[in-house]
């Protein structure tokens, strides 16, 4: 497993703001997901530099710009970044706009779709609370983590994690990340 010697996202130098490393809580999240997958007889998913870049950009956008208002849910993206805005609605009408974010955010380095699970808390989001919610209270998010239901056989090879303030997201992708893995932040 990965060592937990992280630095909170807010304390990272600017060069490490997006996908360069994982905070302690982000590593904890990935480890919780991989331990749960092992209990289900599934292989661990590699921590992906590309998908972490997407996840960390998304939690910042969610916190800073609040695109998840009205009919737009947590999978939405604002119009305040170097990406195409998406209002993701419960009918999944704009799903492809979200699925394309890995290609868009990485400048085409990660060429496949990405699929996200998202969490919001009124205080500080934590790995354990988000994971517990996904596992026990959201059959759809649980299915993504353990490749069940419509996600059966996806064989996730890459996972990106972002936790910032009230938000936690995890992105999953089928192909391995051509940019390689991401590790815990160190001082």
N, C-alpha and C. Protein backbone atom coordinates (compact mmCIF):
# COMPACT_ATOMS: atom_id res chain seq x y z
N UNK A 1 0.83 -1.19 0.00
CA UNK A 1 0.00 0.00 0.00
C UNK A 1 0.87 1.25 0.00
N UNK A 2 0.26 2.39 -0.04
CA UNK A 2 0.95 3.65 -0.11
C UNK A 2 1.15 4.23 1.28
N UNK A 3 2.27 4.90 1.49
CA UNK A 3 2.57 5.50 2.79
C UNK A 3 1.72 6.75 3.00
N UNK A 4 1.35 7.00 4.24
CA UNK A 4 0.54 8.16 4.58
C UNK A 4 1.42 9.24 5.20
N UNK A 5 2.15 9.97 4.38
CA UNK A 5 3.01 11.05 4.85
C UNK A 5 2.64 12.30 4.07
N UNK A 6 1.38 12.67 4.11
CA UNK A 6 0.88 13.73 3.25
C UNK A 6 0.88 15.09 3.87
N UNK A 7 0.60 16.05 3.02
CA UNK A 7 0.43 17.44 3.38
C UNK A 7 -0.96 17.84 2.91
N UNK A 8 -1.77 18.49 3.75
CA UNK A 8 -3.11 18.90 3.31
C UNK A 8 -3.04 19.71 2.02
N UNK A 9 -4.05 19.54 1.16
CA UNK A 9 -4.06 20.21 -0.14
C UNK A 9 -3.86 21.72 -0.01
N UNK A 10 -4.47 22.33 0.99
CA UNK A 10 -4.37 23.79 1.16
C UNK A 10 -2.94 24.23 1.47
N UNK A 11 -2.10 23.32 1.99
CA UNK A 11 -0.73 23.67 2.36
C UNK A 11 0.30 23.33 1.28
N UNK A 12 -0.16 22.80 0.14
CA UNK A 12 0.77 22.44 -0.91
C UNK A 12 1.30 23.67 -1.63
N UNK A 13 2.54 23.63 -2.06
CA UNK A 13 3.04 24.72 -2.91
C UNK A 13 2.22 24.76 -4.20
N UNK A 14 2.14 25.92 -4.88
CA UNK A 14 1.34 26.04 -6.10
C UNK A 14 1.65 24.98 -7.15
N UNK A 15 2.91 24.58 -7.29
CA UNK A 15 3.26 23.58 -8.29
C UNK A 15 2.66 22.22 -7.99
N UNK A 16 2.21 22.01 -6.76
CA UNK A 16 1.64 20.72 -6.39
C UNK A 16 0.13 20.80 -6.21
N UNK A 17 -0.50 21.78 -6.77
CA UNK A 17 -1.93 21.95 -6.58
C UNK A 17 -2.77 20.99 -7.40
N UNK A 18 -2.26 20.42 -8.46
CA UNK A 18 -3.12 19.66 -9.35
C UNK A 18 -2.48 18.36 -9.83
N UNK A 19 -2.71 17.29 -9.10
CA UNK A 19 -2.28 15.98 -9.55
C UNK A 19 -0.83 15.63 -9.31
N UNK A 20 -0.06 16.54 -8.72
CA UNK A 20 1.34 16.25 -8.50
C UNK A 20 1.56 15.30 -7.33
N UNK A 21 0.65 15.34 -6.34
CA UNK A 21 0.76 14.46 -5.19
C UNK A 21 -0.59 14.37 -4.48
N UNK A 22 -0.69 13.41 -3.58
CA UNK A 22 -1.92 13.16 -2.83
C UNK A 22 -1.73 13.56 -1.37
N UNK A 23 -2.72 14.23 -0.81
CA UNK A 23 -2.70 14.53 0.63
C UNK A 23 -2.90 13.24 1.42
N UNK A 24 -2.68 13.32 2.71
CA UNK A 24 -2.88 12.16 3.57
C UNK A 24 -4.32 11.63 3.47
N UNK A 25 -5.30 12.53 3.47
CA UNK A 25 -6.71 12.11 3.35
C UNK A 25 -6.98 11.47 2.00
N UNK A 26 -6.35 11.98 0.95
CA UNK A 26 -6.56 11.41 -0.38
C UNK A 26 -5.96 10.01 -0.46
N UNK A 27 -4.79 9.82 0.11
CA UNK A 27 -4.19 8.48 0.14
C UNK A 27 -5.07 7.54 0.96
N UNK A 28 -5.57 8.04 2.09
CA UNK A 28 -6.45 7.23 2.92
C UNK A 28 -7.67 6.78 2.12
N UNK A 29 -8.24 7.69 1.34
CA UNK A 29 -9.40 7.35 0.51
C UNK A 29 -9.07 6.22 -0.46
N UNK A 30 -7.97 6.36 -1.17
CA UNK A 30 -7.58 5.32 -2.11
C UNK A 30 -7.34 3.99 -1.42
N UNK A 31 -6.71 4.03 -0.27
CA UNK A 31 -6.47 2.78 0.48
C UNK A 31 -7.78 2.15 0.95
N UNK A 32 -8.73 2.96 1.41
CA UNK A 32 -10.03 2.42 1.82
C UNK A 32 -10.73 1.73 0.65
N UNK A 33 -10.71 2.37 -0.51
CA UNK A 33 -11.34 1.78 -1.69
C UNK A 33 -10.64 0.49 -2.09
N UNK A 34 -9.31 0.50 -2.11
CA UNK A 34 -8.59 -0.71 -2.50
C UNK A 34 -8.75 -1.84 -1.49
N UNK A 35 -8.82 -1.52 -0.20
CA UNK A 35 -9.06 -2.56 0.81
C UNK A 35 -10.45 -3.17 0.63
N UNK A 36 -11.44 -2.33 0.37
CA UNK A 36 -12.80 -2.79 0.13
C UNK A 36 -12.86 -3.68 -1.11
N UNK A 37 -12.18 -3.28 -2.17
CA UNK A 37 -12.13 -4.08 -3.38
C UNK A 37 -11.48 -5.44 -3.10
N UNK A 38 -10.43 -5.46 -2.30
CA UNK A 38 -9.77 -6.73 -1.96
C UNK A 38 -10.74 -7.66 -1.23
N UNK A 39 -11.56 -7.10 -0.34
CA UNK A 39 -12.57 -7.90 0.36
C UNK A 39 -13.55 -8.52 -0.62
N UNK A 40 -13.75 -7.89 -1.75
CA UNK A 40 -14.67 -8.39 -2.78
C UNK A 40 -13.96 -9.23 -3.84
N UNK A 41 -12.67 -9.50 -3.62
CA UNK A 41 -11.90 -10.31 -4.56
C UNK A 41 -11.44 -9.56 -5.80
N UNK A 42 -11.42 -8.23 -5.73
CA UNK A 42 -11.01 -7.41 -6.87
C UNK A 42 -9.59 -6.89 -6.69
N UNK A 43 -8.92 -6.64 -7.79
CA UNK A 43 -7.56 -6.12 -7.76
C UNK A 43 -7.56 -4.66 -7.32
N UNK A 44 -6.45 -4.21 -6.72
CA UNK A 44 -6.34 -2.78 -6.37
C UNK A 44 -6.22 -1.94 -7.63
N UNK A 45 -6.59 -0.68 -7.51
CA UNK A 45 -6.51 0.26 -8.62
C UNK A 45 -5.33 1.19 -8.37
N UNK A 46 -4.50 1.39 -9.39
CA UNK A 46 -3.35 2.29 -9.27
C UNK A 46 -3.80 3.74 -9.08
N UNK A 47 -3.07 4.46 -8.26
CA UNK A 47 -3.32 5.89 -8.07
C UNK A 47 -2.78 6.61 -9.31
N UNK A 48 -3.64 7.28 -10.03
CA UNK A 48 -3.34 7.87 -11.33
C UNK A 48 -3.01 9.35 -11.23
N UNK A 49 -1.90 9.75 -11.85
CA UNK A 49 -1.53 11.16 -11.91
C UNK A 49 -2.58 11.96 -12.71
N UNK A 50 -2.99 11.46 -13.87
CA UNK A 50 -3.95 12.18 -14.71
C UNK A 50 -5.30 12.33 -14.03
N UNK A 51 -5.83 11.23 -13.51
CA UNK A 51 -7.17 11.30 -12.90
C UNK A 51 -7.13 12.07 -11.59
N UNK A 52 -5.99 12.07 -10.90
CA UNK A 52 -5.87 12.91 -9.70
C UNK A 52 -5.85 14.38 -10.10
N UNK A 53 -5.22 14.71 -11.21
CA UNK A 53 -5.26 16.08 -11.71
C UNK A 53 -6.72 16.51 -11.93
N UNK A 54 -7.51 15.64 -12.53
CA UNK A 54 -8.93 15.93 -12.78
C UNK A 54 -9.68 16.07 -11.47
N UNK A 55 -9.48 15.11 -10.57
CA UNK A 55 -10.19 15.11 -9.29
C UNK A 55 -9.86 16.35 -8.47
N UNK A 56 -8.59 16.71 -8.41
CA UNK A 56 -8.21 17.87 -7.60
C UNK A 56 -8.69 19.18 -8.23
N UNK A 57 -8.71 19.24 -9.56
CA UNK A 57 -9.28 20.42 -10.21
C UNK A 57 -10.78 20.50 -9.93
N UNK A 58 -11.44 19.35 -9.92
CA UNK A 58 -12.89 19.37 -9.72
C UNK A 58 -13.28 19.77 -8.30
N UNK A 59 -12.61 19.26 -7.28
CA UNK A 59 -12.98 19.66 -5.91
C UNK A 59 -12.72 21.14 -5.69
N UNK A 60 -11.66 21.68 -6.30
CA UNK A 60 -11.41 23.12 -6.20
C UNK A 60 -12.52 23.90 -6.89
N UNK A 61 -12.93 23.45 -8.08
CA UNK A 61 -14.01 24.12 -8.80
C UNK A 61 -15.31 24.05 -8.01
N UNK A 62 -15.61 22.89 -7.45
CA UNK A 62 -16.83 22.75 -6.64
C UNK A 62 -16.81 23.72 -5.47
N UNK A 63 -15.69 23.80 -4.78
CA UNK A 63 -15.60 24.68 -3.62
C UNK A 63 -15.59 26.16 -4.01
N UNK A 64 -14.77 26.51 -4.97
CA UNK A 64 -14.60 27.92 -5.34
C UNK A 64 -15.78 28.50 -6.11
N UNK A 65 -16.39 27.69 -6.98
CA UNK A 65 -17.37 28.22 -7.93
C UNK A 65 -18.78 27.68 -7.80
N UNK A 66 -18.97 26.67 -7.01
CA UNK A 66 -20.30 26.11 -6.71
C UNK A 66 -21.17 25.85 -7.96
N UNK A 67 -20.68 25.03 -8.91
CA UNK A 67 -21.50 24.74 -10.09
C UNK A 67 -22.67 23.80 -9.79
N UNK A 68 -22.69 23.23 -8.59
CA UNK A 68 -23.71 22.26 -8.20
C UNK A 68 -24.89 22.98 -7.53
N UNK A 69 -25.59 23.78 -8.31
CA UNK A 69 -26.77 24.49 -7.80
C UNK A 69 -27.94 24.26 -8.74
N UNK A 70 -29.15 24.48 -8.24
CA UNK A 70 -30.34 24.25 -9.06
C UNK A 70 -30.44 22.79 -9.45
N UNK A 71 -30.59 22.53 -10.72
CA UNK A 71 -30.67 21.15 -11.22
C UNK A 71 -29.32 20.50 -11.43
N UNK A 72 -28.25 21.27 -11.29
CA UNK A 72 -26.89 20.76 -11.52
C UNK A 72 -26.37 20.09 -10.26
N UNK A 73 -25.93 18.83 -10.39
CA UNK A 73 -25.46 18.10 -9.20
C UNK A 73 -23.94 18.17 -9.06
N UNK A 74 -23.40 17.35 -8.15
CA UNK A 74 -21.96 17.41 -7.83
C UNK A 74 -21.04 17.04 -8.99
N UNK A 75 -21.56 16.47 -10.05
CA UNK A 75 -20.71 16.12 -11.20
C UNK A 75 -20.59 17.29 -12.18
N UNK A 76 -21.13 18.43 -11.83
CA UNK A 76 -21.12 19.61 -12.69
C UNK A 76 -19.79 20.35 -12.59
N UNK A 77 -19.48 21.10 -13.64
CA UNK A 77 -18.27 21.93 -13.73
C UNK A 77 -18.69 23.35 -14.08
N UNK A 78 -18.06 24.32 -13.46
CA UNK A 78 -18.40 25.73 -13.69
C UNK A 78 -17.86 26.22 -15.04
N UNK A 79 -18.17 27.46 -15.34
CA UNK A 79 -17.64 28.11 -16.54
C UNK A 79 -16.44 28.99 -16.19
N UNK A 80 -15.77 28.70 -15.09
CA UNK A 80 -14.68 29.55 -14.61
C UNK A 80 -13.31 28.87 -14.66
N UNK A 81 -13.11 27.96 -15.58
CA UNK A 81 -11.82 27.29 -15.69
C UNK A 81 -11.48 27.02 -17.14
N UNK A 82 -10.35 26.36 -17.34
CA UNK A 82 -9.91 25.97 -18.69
C UNK A 82 -10.53 24.64 -19.07
N UNK A 83 -11.86 24.60 -19.06
CA UNK A 83 -12.61 23.41 -19.41
C UNK A 83 -13.98 23.83 -19.91
N UNK A 84 -14.70 22.90 -20.46
CA UNK A 84 -16.06 23.14 -20.91
C UNK A 84 -16.99 22.99 -19.73
N UNK A 85 -17.84 23.98 -19.45
CA UNK A 85 -18.77 23.83 -18.32
C UNK A 85 -19.77 22.72 -18.58
N UNK A 86 -20.20 22.09 -17.50
CA UNK A 86 -21.19 21.01 -17.59
C UNK A 86 -22.18 21.16 -16.45
N UNK A 87 -23.45 21.17 -16.78
CA UNK A 87 -24.51 21.05 -15.77
C UNK A 87 -24.97 19.61 -15.83
N UNK A 88 -24.51 18.82 -14.89
CA UNK A 88 -24.84 17.40 -14.86
C UNK A 88 -26.14 17.24 -14.07
N UNK A 89 -27.15 16.71 -14.71
CA UNK A 89 -28.46 16.57 -14.10
C UNK A 89 -28.75 15.11 -13.77
N UNK A 90 -29.73 14.89 -12.92
CA UNK A 90 -30.06 13.53 -12.47
C UNK A 90 -30.49 12.61 -13.60
N UNK A 91 -30.93 13.16 -14.73
CA UNK A 91 -31.32 12.31 -15.87
C UNK A 91 -30.10 11.90 -16.72
N UNK A 92 -28.90 12.31 -16.31
CA UNK A 92 -27.63 11.96 -16.97
C UNK A 92 -27.54 12.48 -18.41
N UNK A 93 -28.36 13.46 -18.75
CA UNK A 93 -28.40 14.00 -20.12
C UNK A 93 -27.04 14.53 -20.56
N UNK A 94 -26.28 15.13 -19.65
CA UNK A 94 -24.98 15.71 -20.00
C UNK A 94 -23.81 14.88 -19.51
N UNK A 95 -24.02 13.59 -19.36
CA UNK A 95 -22.98 12.71 -18.80
C UNK A 95 -21.69 12.74 -19.60
N UNK A 96 -21.79 12.75 -20.91
CA UNK A 96 -20.58 12.69 -21.72
C UNK A 96 -19.67 13.90 -21.47
N UNK A 97 -20.26 15.06 -21.17
CA UNK A 97 -19.45 16.24 -20.85
C UNK A 97 -18.58 16.00 -19.64
N UNK A 98 -19.11 15.26 -18.66
CA UNK A 98 -18.33 14.91 -17.47
C UNK A 98 -17.36 13.78 -17.80
N UNK A 99 -17.79 12.77 -18.51
CA UNK A 99 -16.92 11.64 -18.83
C UNK A 99 -15.68 12.08 -19.62
N UNK A 100 -15.79 13.15 -20.41
CA UNK A 100 -14.68 13.64 -21.22
C UNK A 100 -13.66 14.47 -20.45
N UNK A 101 -13.93 14.78 -19.19
CA UNK A 101 -13.04 15.66 -18.43
C UNK A 101 -11.60 15.16 -18.35
N UNK A 102 -11.32 13.86 -18.20
CA UNK A 102 -9.90 13.45 -18.17
C UNK A 102 -9.15 13.85 -19.44
N UNK A 103 -9.76 13.66 -20.59
CA UNK A 103 -9.12 14.04 -21.85
C UNK A 103 -8.93 15.56 -21.90
N UNK A 104 -9.97 16.27 -21.49
CA UNK A 104 -9.94 17.73 -21.56
C UNK A 104 -8.95 18.36 -20.57
N UNK A 105 -8.99 17.93 -19.32
CA UNK A 105 -8.15 18.52 -18.28
C UNK A 105 -6.67 18.18 -18.47
N UNK A 106 -6.38 16.99 -19.00
CA UNK A 106 -4.98 16.58 -19.19
C UNK A 106 -4.44 16.95 -20.56
N UNK A 107 -5.19 17.72 -21.33
CA UNK A 107 -4.72 18.09 -22.66
C UNK A 107 -4.55 16.90 -23.58
N UNK A 108 -5.40 15.89 -23.41
CA UNK A 108 -5.37 14.72 -24.27
C UNK A 108 -4.41 13.63 -23.84
N UNK A 109 -3.73 13.79 -22.72
CA UNK A 109 -2.80 12.75 -22.27
C UNK A 109 -3.53 11.51 -21.78
N UNK A 110 -4.64 11.69 -21.10
CA UNK A 110 -5.48 10.55 -20.72
C UNK A 110 -6.63 10.54 -21.72
N UNK A 111 -6.65 9.57 -22.60
CA UNK A 111 -7.54 9.61 -23.76
C UNK A 111 -8.88 8.92 -23.56
N UNK A 112 -9.08 8.29 -22.44
CA UNK A 112 -10.30 7.54 -22.22
C UNK A 112 -11.27 8.33 -21.33
N UNK A 113 -12.49 7.85 -21.28
CA UNK A 113 -13.48 8.43 -20.37
C UNK A 113 -13.05 8.22 -18.92
N UNK A 114 -13.58 9.08 -18.05
CA UNK A 114 -13.44 8.92 -16.61
C UNK A 114 -14.82 8.95 -15.99
N UNK A 115 -14.97 8.26 -14.87
CA UNK A 115 -16.26 8.17 -14.19
C UNK A 115 -16.04 8.56 -12.73
N UNK A 116 -16.91 9.43 -12.23
CA UNK A 116 -16.69 10.05 -10.93
C UNK A 116 -17.75 9.67 -9.91
N UNK A 117 -17.29 9.50 -8.67
CA UNK A 117 -18.19 9.48 -7.52
C UNK A 117 -17.85 10.71 -6.69
N UNK A 118 -18.88 11.35 -6.14
CA UNK A 118 -18.67 12.64 -5.47
C UNK A 118 -19.42 12.68 -4.14
N UNK A 119 -18.88 13.51 -3.22
CA UNK A 119 -19.42 13.62 -1.86
C UNK A 119 -19.28 15.06 -1.40
N UNK A 120 -20.27 15.51 -0.64
CA UNK A 120 -20.25 16.84 -0.03
C UNK A 120 -20.61 16.69 1.44
N UNK A 121 -19.96 17.48 2.29
CA UNK A 121 -20.27 17.52 3.72
C UNK A 121 -20.36 18.98 4.14
N UNK A 122 -21.25 19.27 5.07
CA UNK A 122 -21.44 20.67 5.48
C UNK A 122 -20.22 21.24 6.20
N UNK A 123 -19.37 20.37 6.72
CA UNK A 123 -18.12 20.82 7.36
C UNK A 123 -16.97 20.40 6.45
N UNK A 124 -15.99 19.71 6.98
CA UNK A 124 -14.83 19.23 6.22
C UNK A 124 -15.11 17.80 5.73
N UNK A 125 -14.95 17.56 4.45
CA UNK A 125 -15.07 16.21 3.91
C UNK A 125 -13.86 15.40 4.36
N UNK A 126 -14.10 14.15 4.75
CA UNK A 126 -13.00 13.26 5.11
C UNK A 126 -13.12 11.97 4.31
N UNK A 127 -12.01 11.27 4.19
CA UNK A 127 -11.98 10.02 3.45
C UNK A 127 -12.96 9.01 4.04
N UNK A 128 -12.91 8.84 5.35
CA UNK A 128 -13.76 7.82 5.98
C UNK A 128 -15.24 8.11 5.83
N UNK A 129 -15.65 9.37 6.04
CA UNK A 129 -17.06 9.70 5.91
C UNK A 129 -17.55 9.52 4.48
N UNK A 130 -16.78 10.00 3.52
CA UNK A 130 -17.17 9.86 2.12
C UNK A 130 -17.25 8.38 1.73
N UNK A 131 -16.21 7.62 2.07
CA UNK A 131 -16.20 6.20 1.73
C UNK A 131 -17.38 5.48 2.37
N UNK A 132 -17.63 5.73 3.65
CA UNK A 132 -18.75 5.07 4.34
C UNK A 132 -20.08 5.40 3.67
N UNK A 133 -20.26 6.66 3.27
CA UNK A 133 -21.49 7.06 2.60
C UNK A 133 -21.65 6.33 1.28
N UNK A 134 -20.57 6.29 0.48
CA UNK A 134 -20.64 5.62 -0.81
C UNK A 134 -20.91 4.13 -0.64
N UNK A 135 -20.27 3.53 0.34
CA UNK A 135 -20.38 2.08 0.54
C UNK A 135 -21.76 1.69 1.06
N UNK A 136 -22.29 2.42 2.03
CA UNK A 136 -23.51 1.95 2.70
C UNK A 136 -24.79 2.69 2.33
N UNK A 137 -24.68 3.90 1.77
CA UNK A 137 -25.90 4.68 1.53
C UNK A 137 -26.15 5.02 0.07
N UNK A 138 -25.27 4.60 -0.81
CA UNK A 138 -25.44 4.94 -2.22
C UNK A 138 -25.09 3.74 -3.08
N UNK A 139 -26.10 3.00 -3.48
CA UNK A 139 -25.86 1.79 -4.26
C UNK A 139 -25.14 2.10 -5.58
N UNK A 140 -25.44 3.25 -6.18
CA UNK A 140 -24.78 3.61 -7.43
C UNK A 140 -23.30 3.87 -7.26
N UNK A 141 -22.93 4.62 -6.23
CA UNK A 141 -21.51 4.89 -5.98
C UNK A 141 -20.79 3.61 -5.54
N UNK A 142 -21.45 2.81 -4.73
CA UNK A 142 -20.86 1.55 -4.30
C UNK A 142 -20.57 0.66 -5.51
N UNK A 143 -21.51 0.62 -6.44
CA UNK A 143 -21.34 -0.21 -7.64
C UNK A 143 -20.13 0.22 -8.45
N UNK A 144 -19.87 1.52 -8.54
CA UNK A 144 -18.70 2.00 -9.28
C UNK A 144 -17.43 1.50 -8.60
N UNK A 145 -17.35 1.63 -7.27
CA UNK A 145 -16.13 1.24 -6.55
C UNK A 145 -15.81 -0.24 -6.73
N UNK A 146 -16.85 -1.09 -6.74
CA UNK A 146 -16.60 -2.54 -6.79
C UNK A 146 -17.02 -3.18 -8.11
N UNK A 147 -17.18 -2.35 -9.14
CA UNK A 147 -17.49 -2.84 -10.48
C UNK A 147 -18.68 -3.79 -10.47
N UNK A 148 -19.77 -3.33 -9.92
CA UNK A 148 -20.99 -4.13 -9.84
C UNK A 148 -22.05 -3.50 -10.75
N UNK A 149 -23.14 -4.22 -10.96
CA UNK A 149 -24.27 -3.73 -11.73
C UNK A 149 -23.80 -3.31 -13.13
N UNK A 150 -24.15 -2.11 -13.59
CA UNK A 150 -23.76 -1.70 -14.94
C UNK A 150 -22.25 -1.51 -15.09
N UNK A 151 -21.53 -1.50 -13.98
CA UNK A 151 -20.07 -1.30 -13.99
C UNK A 151 -19.31 -2.63 -13.99
N UNK A 152 -20.02 -3.73 -14.00
CA UNK A 152 -19.39 -5.06 -13.95
C UNK A 152 -18.41 -5.22 -15.12
N UNK A 153 -17.23 -5.69 -14.80
CA UNK A 153 -16.22 -5.95 -15.81
C UNK A 153 -15.47 -4.73 -16.32
N UNK A 154 -15.62 -3.59 -15.68
CA UNK A 154 -14.92 -2.39 -16.14
C UNK A 154 -13.41 -2.53 -15.98
N UNK A 155 -12.98 -3.30 -15.00
CA UNK A 155 -11.55 -3.54 -14.79
C UNK A 155 -10.77 -2.23 -14.67
N UNK A 156 -11.17 -1.43 -13.69
CA UNK A 156 -10.52 -0.14 -13.47
C UNK A 156 -9.01 -0.32 -13.33
N UNK A 157 -8.24 0.49 -14.06
CA UNK A 157 -6.78 0.46 -14.00
C UNK A 157 -6.20 1.76 -13.43
N UNK A 158 -7.06 2.77 -13.26
CA UNK A 158 -6.58 4.07 -12.80
C UNK A 158 -7.62 4.72 -11.90
N UNK A 159 -7.14 5.38 -10.82
CA UNK A 159 -8.03 6.05 -9.87
C UNK A 159 -7.38 7.37 -9.47
N UNK A 160 -8.18 8.43 -9.54
CA UNK A 160 -7.71 9.75 -9.13
C UNK A 160 -8.56 10.27 -7.99
N UNK A 161 -7.94 10.95 -7.03
CA UNK A 161 -8.63 11.34 -5.81
C UNK A 161 -8.41 12.82 -5.54
N UNK A 162 -9.49 13.50 -5.13
CA UNK A 162 -9.41 14.88 -4.70
C UNK A 162 -10.29 15.10 -3.49
N UNK A 163 -9.72 15.66 -2.43
CA UNK A 163 -10.48 16.05 -1.24
C UNK A 163 -10.06 17.47 -0.90
N UNK A 164 -11.04 18.36 -0.84
CA UNK A 164 -10.76 19.76 -0.53
C UNK A 164 -11.97 20.36 0.16
N UNK A 165 -11.76 20.90 1.32
CA UNK A 165 -12.82 21.55 2.11
C UNK A 165 -14.02 20.62 2.26
N UNK A 166 -15.16 20.97 1.69
CA UNK A 166 -16.41 20.20 1.87
C UNK A 166 -16.57 19.06 0.87
N UNK A 167 -15.66 18.91 -0.05
CA UNK A 167 -15.87 18.01 -1.19
C UNK A 167 -14.82 16.90 -1.25
N UNK A 168 -15.29 15.73 -1.71
CA UNK A 168 -14.42 14.60 -2.00
C UNK A 168 -14.92 13.96 -3.29
N UNK A 169 -14.01 13.69 -4.22
CA UNK A 169 -14.36 13.00 -5.45
C UNK A 169 -13.30 11.95 -5.75
N UNK A 170 -13.74 10.89 -6.42
CA UNK A 170 -12.82 9.87 -6.92
C UNK A 170 -13.21 9.61 -8.36
N UNK A 171 -12.20 9.60 -9.22
CA UNK A 171 -12.38 9.32 -10.64
C UNK A 171 -11.80 7.95 -10.96
N UNK A 172 -12.51 7.20 -11.79
CA UNK A 172 -12.10 5.85 -12.20
C UNK A 172 -11.95 5.82 -13.71
N UNK A 173 -10.92 5.10 -14.18
CA UNK A 173 -10.71 4.94 -15.61
C UNK A 173 -10.28 3.53 -15.94
N UNK A 174 -10.62 3.08 -17.14
CA UNK A 174 -10.29 1.72 -17.55
C UNK A 174 -8.82 1.55 -17.94
N UNK A 175 -8.26 2.40 -18.78
CA UNK A 175 -6.85 2.16 -19.12
C UNK A 175 -5.90 2.68 -18.04
N UNK A 176 -4.73 2.08 -18.01
CA UNK A 176 -3.68 2.59 -17.12
C UNK A 176 -3.33 4.02 -17.56
N UNK A 177 -2.80 4.78 -16.64
CA UNK A 177 -2.47 6.18 -16.90
C UNK A 177 -1.12 6.27 -17.61
N UNK A 178 -1.07 6.86 -18.82
CA UNK A 178 0.22 7.01 -19.50
C UNK A 178 1.18 7.94 -18.75
N UNK A 179 0.64 8.80 -17.87
CA UNK A 179 1.51 9.67 -17.07
C UNK A 179 2.01 8.96 -15.80
N UNK A 180 1.51 7.77 -15.54
CA UNK A 180 1.98 7.00 -14.41
C UNK A 180 1.20 7.29 -13.13
N UNK A 181 1.81 6.87 -12.04
CA UNK A 181 1.12 6.97 -10.74
C UNK A 181 1.46 8.28 -10.04
N UNK A 182 0.72 8.52 -8.99
CA UNK A 182 0.92 9.69 -8.15
C UNK A 182 1.15 9.17 -6.73
N UNK A 183 1.96 9.85 -5.96
CA UNK A 183 2.28 9.39 -4.61
C UNK A 183 1.88 10.46 -3.59
N UNK A 184 2.10 10.14 -2.33
CA UNK A 184 1.78 11.06 -1.24
C UNK A 184 2.70 12.27 -1.29
N UNK A 185 2.15 13.41 -0.91
CA UNK A 185 2.94 14.64 -0.80
C UNK A 185 3.91 14.51 0.37
N UNK A 186 5.06 15.08 0.24
CA UNK A 186 6.02 15.12 1.35
C UNK A 186 6.47 16.55 1.54
N UNK A 187 6.91 16.85 2.72
CA UNK A 187 7.40 18.20 2.99
C UNK A 187 8.77 18.40 2.43
